[in-house]
Amino acid sequence: MTVAMVFITLFLTDAGILQAWLQRLSESAEALSIKLYGHSR
């Protein structure tokens, strides 16, 4: 039971970190594309 709780906690933590990292990556990519698009105009 304890092992299952630890696995669930680790999974949820990794999912949160992955989601935050993907969101940060997409935001930086969006900012970069806007910057490049602004330079191209």
N, C-alpha and C. Protein backbone atom coordinates (compact mmCIF):
# COMPACT_ATOMS: atom_id res chain seq x y z
N MET A 1 0.85 -1.20 0.00
CA MET A 1 0.00 0.00 0.00
C MET A 1 0.88 1.25 0.00
N THR A 2 1.86 1.26 0.88
CA THR A 2 2.76 2.42 0.95
C THR A 2 3.53 2.58 -0.35
N VAL A 3 3.99 1.46 -0.91
CA VAL A 3 4.74 1.51 -2.17
C VAL A 3 3.87 2.08 -3.28
N ALA A 4 2.60 1.68 -3.31
CA ALA A 4 1.69 2.18 -4.33
C ALA A 4 1.51 3.70 -4.18
N MET A 5 1.37 4.16 -2.95
CA MET A 5 1.21 5.60 -2.70
C MET A 5 2.45 6.35 -3.16
N VAL A 6 3.63 5.77 -2.89
CA VAL A 6 4.87 6.42 -3.31
C VAL A 6 4.94 6.50 -4.83
N PHE A 7 4.56 5.39 -5.50
CA PHE A 7 4.58 5.40 -6.96
C PHE A 7 3.61 6.42 -7.52
N ILE A 8 2.41 6.50 -6.93
CA ILE A 8 1.41 7.47 -7.39
C ILE A 8 1.92 8.89 -7.19
N THR A 9 2.53 9.14 -6.02
CA THR A 9 3.06 10.49 -5.75
C THR A 9 4.16 10.85 -6.74
N LEU A 10 5.06 9.90 -7.01
CA LEU A 10 6.14 10.16 -7.96
C LEU A 10 5.58 10.40 -9.35
N PHE A 11 4.57 9.61 -9.73
CA PHE A 11 3.97 9.76 -11.05
C PHE A 11 3.31 11.12 -11.20
N LEU A 12 2.54 11.53 -10.17
CA LEU A 12 1.86 12.82 -10.23
C LEU A 12 2.88 13.95 -10.26
N THR A 13 3.96 13.81 -9.48
CA THR A 13 4.98 14.86 -9.45
C THR A 13 5.67 14.97 -10.81
N ASP A 14 6.03 13.81 -11.39
CA ASP A 14 6.68 13.82 -12.69
C ASP A 14 5.75 14.40 -13.75
N ALA A 15 4.46 14.06 -13.67
CA ALA A 15 3.50 14.57 -14.65
C ALA A 15 3.40 16.10 -14.52
N GLY A 16 3.40 16.60 -13.28
CA GLY A 16 3.31 18.05 -13.08
C GLY A 16 4.54 18.75 -13.60
N ILE A 17 5.72 18.16 -13.34
CA ILE A 17 6.97 18.76 -13.82
C ILE A 17 7.00 18.73 -15.35
N LEU A 18 6.59 17.60 -15.93
CA LEU A 18 6.58 17.47 -17.39
C LEU A 18 5.63 18.47 -18.01
N GLN A 19 4.44 18.63 -17.40
CA GLN A 19 3.46 19.56 -17.93
C GLN A 19 3.97 21.00 -17.85
N ALA A 20 4.58 21.35 -16.71
CA ALA A 20 5.11 22.70 -16.54
C ALA A 20 6.26 22.94 -17.53
N TRP A 21 7.10 21.91 -17.75
CA TRP A 21 8.23 22.05 -18.67
C TRP A 21 7.73 22.22 -20.10
N LEU A 22 6.72 21.43 -20.47
CA LEU A 22 6.16 21.53 -21.82
C LEU A 22 5.51 22.89 -22.01
N GLN A 23 4.82 23.39 -20.98
CA GLN A 23 4.17 24.69 -21.09
C GLN A 23 5.21 25.79 -21.24
N ARG A 24 6.29 25.70 -20.46
CA ARG A 24 7.37 26.69 -20.56
C ARG A 24 8.03 26.62 -21.93
N LEU A 25 8.22 25.39 -22.43
CA LEU A 25 8.85 25.21 -23.74
C LEU A 25 7.97 25.80 -24.83
N SER A 26 6.66 25.55 -24.76
CA SER A 26 5.75 26.07 -25.78
C SER A 26 5.68 27.60 -25.70
N GLU A 27 5.72 28.15 -24.49
CA GLU A 27 5.69 29.60 -24.34
C GLU A 27 6.95 30.24 -24.93
N SER A 28 8.12 29.64 -24.67
CA SER A 28 9.36 30.18 -25.21
C SER A 28 9.37 30.04 -26.73
N ALA A 29 8.85 28.92 -27.24
CA ALA A 29 8.79 28.73 -28.69
C ALA A 29 7.85 29.75 -29.32
N GLU A 30 6.74 30.03 -28.64
CA GLU A 30 5.79 31.02 -29.15
C GLU A 30 6.42 32.41 -29.16
N ALA A 31 7.13 32.75 -28.09
CA ALA A 31 7.80 34.05 -28.02
C ALA A 31 8.86 34.15 -29.10
N LEU A 32 9.59 33.05 -29.33
CA LEU A 32 10.63 33.04 -30.35
C LEU A 32 10.02 33.21 -31.74
N SER A 33 8.90 32.52 -31.99
CA SER A 33 8.25 32.62 -33.30
C SER A 33 7.72 34.04 -33.51
N ILE A 34 7.18 34.65 -32.45
CA ILE A 34 6.68 36.02 -32.56
C ILE A 34 7.86 36.96 -32.85
N LYS A 35 8.98 36.72 -32.19
CA LYS A 35 10.16 37.55 -32.40
C LYS A 35 10.65 37.41 -33.84
N LEU A 36 10.73 36.17 -34.33
CA LEU A 36 11.18 35.94 -35.70
C LEU A 36 10.18 36.53 -36.70
N TYR A 37 8.88 36.38 -36.40
CA TYR A 37 7.85 36.90 -37.28
C TYR A 37 7.92 38.43 -37.32
N GLY A 38 8.22 39.04 -36.17
CA GLY A 38 8.35 40.50 -36.12
C GLY A 38 9.55 40.96 -36.92
N HIS A 39 10.65 40.20 -36.91
CA HIS A 39 11.83 40.58 -37.67
C HIS A 39 11.61 40.40 -39.17
N SER A 40 10.82 39.39 -39.53
CA SER A 40 10.61 39.10 -40.95
C SER A 40 9.73 40.16 -41.61
N ARG A 41 8.87 40.80 -40.83
CA ARG A 41 7.97 41.80 -41.40
C ARG A 41 8.71 43.09 -41.68
